[in-house]
Each structure stands twice: as C-alpha cells, then as structure tokens.
Amino acid sequence: MSETELGEMGPVDYLCVEFPEGSLNGTALPLLMDLVDRQIIRVLDILFVRKEHGGGVTAFEHKEIDLSGFGAFQGAASGMLGGDDFRDIASVLEEGAAAVILVYENLWAAPLATTLRHNGAHLVAGGRIPVQALMAALDETEEAAEASLQGR
C-alpha cells in the first residue's frame, strides 16, 4: 500500500468476538457482508481462534467450520495480528470458546479523516463505550430525574 493510499484511509478498528463452545455458526456473516458490500467497512484482517481446554490459543481455518461465506475474506491479512495478540486473546477468552478477530477500516469516515489530516489535525484520543455502560448511564439519569420530580 502506498503512502498516498495510507493517507486516504479511514480509521482502523478491531473487534474480538467470543463465541461459547459450539455456538460459532455464521448467522451474523450476512450482516458483515452487507457492511462490506455497501462500502461502510473494508476488512483488512480476519482471524479465527480457539482457546483450548488448558489455556492455549490456536488459530484455525474457517474451513474447519461451516462458514462458507467467509471465503470472501480469503487473503485478508494485514499482518497486524501477531503473537502478542494471541496472549491478549488468551487472557479474555473462556476455555473452549472460539473467537473471530476482525481488523477493519471505517470507509465511511475516510473522507473526513483525510481532510482532517490534510488540515494538520491529529487524533489524540479514541475509544468505545460498551452498550451496557450506556444503558447504565441512561438508567442512572432517568432515576435521578424521577427523584428530582418526586422531590418537588
């Protein structure tokens, strides 16, 4: 990838999605393919792993499970996933679970990111708010509002 192409990329994120033993069945694949087809994301890397009973994490081919649609991502390997990632994944997965690690570019944000970079802007922080944390904050806000109304 050239420097020009890199300069025009959108933000790159990753996800590690755990599937309890026996639950990786491919039903979410059409939704992922829809994001790719609509050019909302571009998959840069996809890796399937399993945490063995004993703690080790091993990569496995999508051919080992019935996920025929994942063939669309054959060759998606950015080289960003490595040994440190396996150790990190091992620390969060339950024994016997499988996981899909997905590295993707947010194509929808590429024009904004490119313009910001050309203007000299720098990303200084980022993160993700889990839905559970958002729900808890909304519940807390609602409870405070109710308490305030009752106090009048």
Protein backbone atom coordinates (compact mmCIF):
# COMPACT_ATOMS: atom_id res chain seq x y z
CA MET A 1 0.00 0.00 0.00
CA SER A 2 1.43 3.36 -1.00
CA GLU A 3 1.85 6.38 1.28
CA THR A 4 -0.89 8.15 -0.68
CA GLU A 5 -3.29 5.24 -0.15
CA LEU A 6 -2.45 5.15 3.57
CA GLY A 7 -3.06 8.90 3.84
CA GLU A 8 -6.53 8.45 2.39
CA MET A 9 -7.62 5.67 4.72
CA GLY A 10 -10.33 5.94 7.30
CA PRO A 11 -9.85 4.99 10.94
CA VAL A 12 -8.96 1.35 11.56
CA ASP A 13 -10.64 -0.58 14.37
CA TYR A 14 -10.63 -4.14 15.61
CA LEU A 15 -13.13 -6.41 17.29
CA CYS A 16 -12.66 -9.68 19.11
CA VAL A 17 -15.97 -11.52 19.35
CA GLU A 18 -16.14 -14.58 21.60
CA PHE A 19 -18.43 -17.50 20.82
CA PRO A 20 -19.04 -20.04 23.58
CA GLU A 21 -18.09 -23.58 22.64
CA GLY A 22 -20.24 -24.80 19.75
CA SER A 23 -22.01 -21.50 19.04
CA LEU A 24 -19.96 -20.18 16.09
CA ASN A 25 -22.42 -20.81 13.25
CA GLY A 26 -22.11 -17.95 10.76
CA THR A 27 -25.54 -16.37 11.20
CA ALA A 28 -24.01 -12.88 11.56
CA LEU A 29 -21.99 -13.27 8.36
CA PRO A 30 -24.66 -11.74 6.06
CA LEU A 31 -24.66 -8.58 8.21
CA LEU A 32 -20.88 -8.31 7.98
CA MET A 33 -21.02 -8.90 4.22
CA ASP A 34 -23.65 -6.15 3.92
CA LEU A 35 -21.29 -3.65 5.59
CA VAL A 36 -18.55 -4.65 3.15
CA ASP A 37 -20.85 -4.61 0.10
CA ARG A 38 -22.13 -1.13 0.99
CA GLN A 39 -18.51 0.02 1.42
CA ILE A 40 -19.04 1.05 5.03
CA ILE A 41 -16.07 -1.05 6.13
CA ARG A 42 -13.16 -2.84 4.47
CA VAL A 43 -11.90 -5.99 6.18
CA LEU A 44 -8.12 -5.80 6.50
CA ASP A 45 -7.61 -8.89 8.62
CA ILE A 46 -9.78 -11.71 9.90
CA LEU A 47 -8.58 -14.44 12.21
CA PHE A 48 -10.41 -17.35 13.79
CA VAL A 49 -9.02 -18.66 17.07
CA ARG A 50 -9.97 -21.21 19.69
CA LYS A 51 -8.94 -21.31 23.33
CA GLU A 52 -8.11 -24.87 24.18
CA HIS A 53 -9.00 -26.55 27.47
CA GLY A 54 -5.67 -25.88 29.11
CA GLY A 55 -5.31 -22.24 28.14
CA GLY A 56 -3.53 -22.18 24.79
CA VAL A 57 -4.95 -20.22 21.87
CA THR A 58 -4.65 -21.57 18.34
CA ALA A 59 -5.71 -20.15 15.01
CA PHE A 60 -7.93 -22.26 12.81
CA GLU A 61 -9.16 -22.07 9.25
CA HIS A 62 -12.72 -21.07 8.55
CA LYS A 63 -12.86 -24.31 6.54
CA GLU A 64 -12.94 -26.22 9.84
CA ILE A 65 -16.45 -24.91 10.44
CA ASP A 66 -19.42 -24.41 8.13
CA LEU A 67 -18.93 -20.73 7.33
CA SER A 68 -18.79 -20.90 3.56
CA GLY A 69 -19.41 -17.16 3.16
CA PHE A 70 -16.12 -16.31 4.87
CA GLY A 71 -14.39 -17.27 1.63
CA ALA A 72 -14.98 -13.64 0.59
CA PHE A 73 -12.28 -12.69 3.08
CA GLN A 74 -9.72 -15.21 1.84
CA GLY A 75 -6.38 -13.45 1.87
CA ALA A 76 -7.49 -10.65 4.21
CA ALA A 77 -4.28 -10.49 6.18
CA SER A 78 -2.81 -7.11 7.03
CA GLY A 79 -0.06 -8.62 9.15
CA MET A 80 -1.19 -6.61 12.16
CA LEU A 81 -2.26 -9.65 14.19
CA GLY A 82 0.62 -11.49 15.82
CA GLY A 83 1.96 -13.27 18.90
CA ASP A 84 1.13 -10.52 21.39
CA ASP A 85 -2.45 -10.59 20.18
CA PHE A 86 -2.68 -14.32 20.92
CA ARG A 87 -1.53 -13.71 24.51
CA ASP A 88 -4.04 -10.89 24.93
CA ILE A 89 -6.84 -13.01 23.47
CA ALA A 90 -5.92 -15.94 25.71
CA SER A 91 -6.43 -13.72 28.75
CA VAL A 92 -10.01 -12.78 27.83
CA LEU A 93 -11.50 -15.92 26.26
CA GLU A 94 -13.17 -18.74 28.17
CA GLU A 95 -11.70 -22.20 27.68
CA GLY A 96 -13.33 -24.00 24.76
CA ALA A 97 -14.58 -20.76 23.19
CA ALA A 98 -13.89 -19.69 19.65
CA ALA A 99 -13.37 -16.09 18.60
CA VAL A 100 -13.27 -14.04 15.45
CA ILE A 101 -10.79 -11.17 15.41
CA LEU A 102 -11.65 -8.61 12.79
CA VAL A 103 -9.47 -5.65 11.77
CA TYR A 104 -11.36 -3.24 9.56
CA GLU A 105 -11.15 0.20 8.03
CA ASN A 106 -14.09 2.54 8.51
CA LEU A 107 -14.53 3.55 4.88
CA TRP A 108 -17.46 5.83 5.76
CA ALA A 109 -15.05 8.06 7.72
CA ALA A 110 -12.21 8.12 5.18
CA PRO A 111 -13.11 11.47 3.52
CA LEU A 112 -13.40 13.20 6.91
CA ALA A 113 -10.20 11.61 8.23
CA THR A 114 -8.29 12.54 5.06
CA THR A 115 -9.47 16.16 5.19
CA LEU A 116 -8.61 16.44 8.88
CA ARG A 117 -5.10 15.05 8.24
CA HIS A 118 -4.58 17.48 5.34
CA ASN A 119 -5.59 20.30 7.71
CA GLY A 120 -2.96 19.20 10.22
CA ALA A 121 -5.39 17.67 12.71
CA HIS A 122 -4.31 14.72 14.88
CA LEU A 123 -6.42 12.14 16.66
CA VAL A 124 -5.48 12.48 20.32
CA ALA A 125 -7.97 10.07 21.90
CA GLY A 126 -10.49 7.46 20.92
CA GLY A 127 -12.45 4.66 22.46
CA ARG A 128 -15.61 2.69 22.52
CA ILE A 129 -18.45 2.90 25.02
CA PRO A 130 -19.98 -0.53 25.70
CA VAL A 131 -23.74 -0.63 25.27
CA GLN A 132 -24.06 -1.89 28.86
CA ALA A 133 -22.29 1.24 30.16
CA LEU A 134 -24.55 3.47 28.05
CA MET A 135 -27.66 1.70 29.35
CA ALA A 136 -26.44 2.02 32.96
CA ALA A 137 -25.79 5.76 32.48
CA LEU A 138 -29.23 6.28 30.95
CA ASP A 139 -30.86 4.35 33.81
CA GLU A 140 -28.97 6.46 36.33
CA THR A 141 -30.03 9.67 34.58
CA GLU A 142 -33.65 8.51 34.49
CA GLU A 143 -33.59 7.60 38.19
CA ALA A 144 -32.10 11.00 39.07
CA ALA A 145 -34.78 12.78 37.01
CA GLU A 146 -37.53 10.78 38.71
CA ALA A 147 -36.07 11.52 42.15
CA SER A 148 -35.88 15.20 41.27
CA LEU A 149 -39.52 15.26 40.18
CA GLN A 150 -40.60 13.48 43.36
CA GLY A 151 -38.66 15.98 45.47
CA ARG A 152 -40.62 18.97 44.13
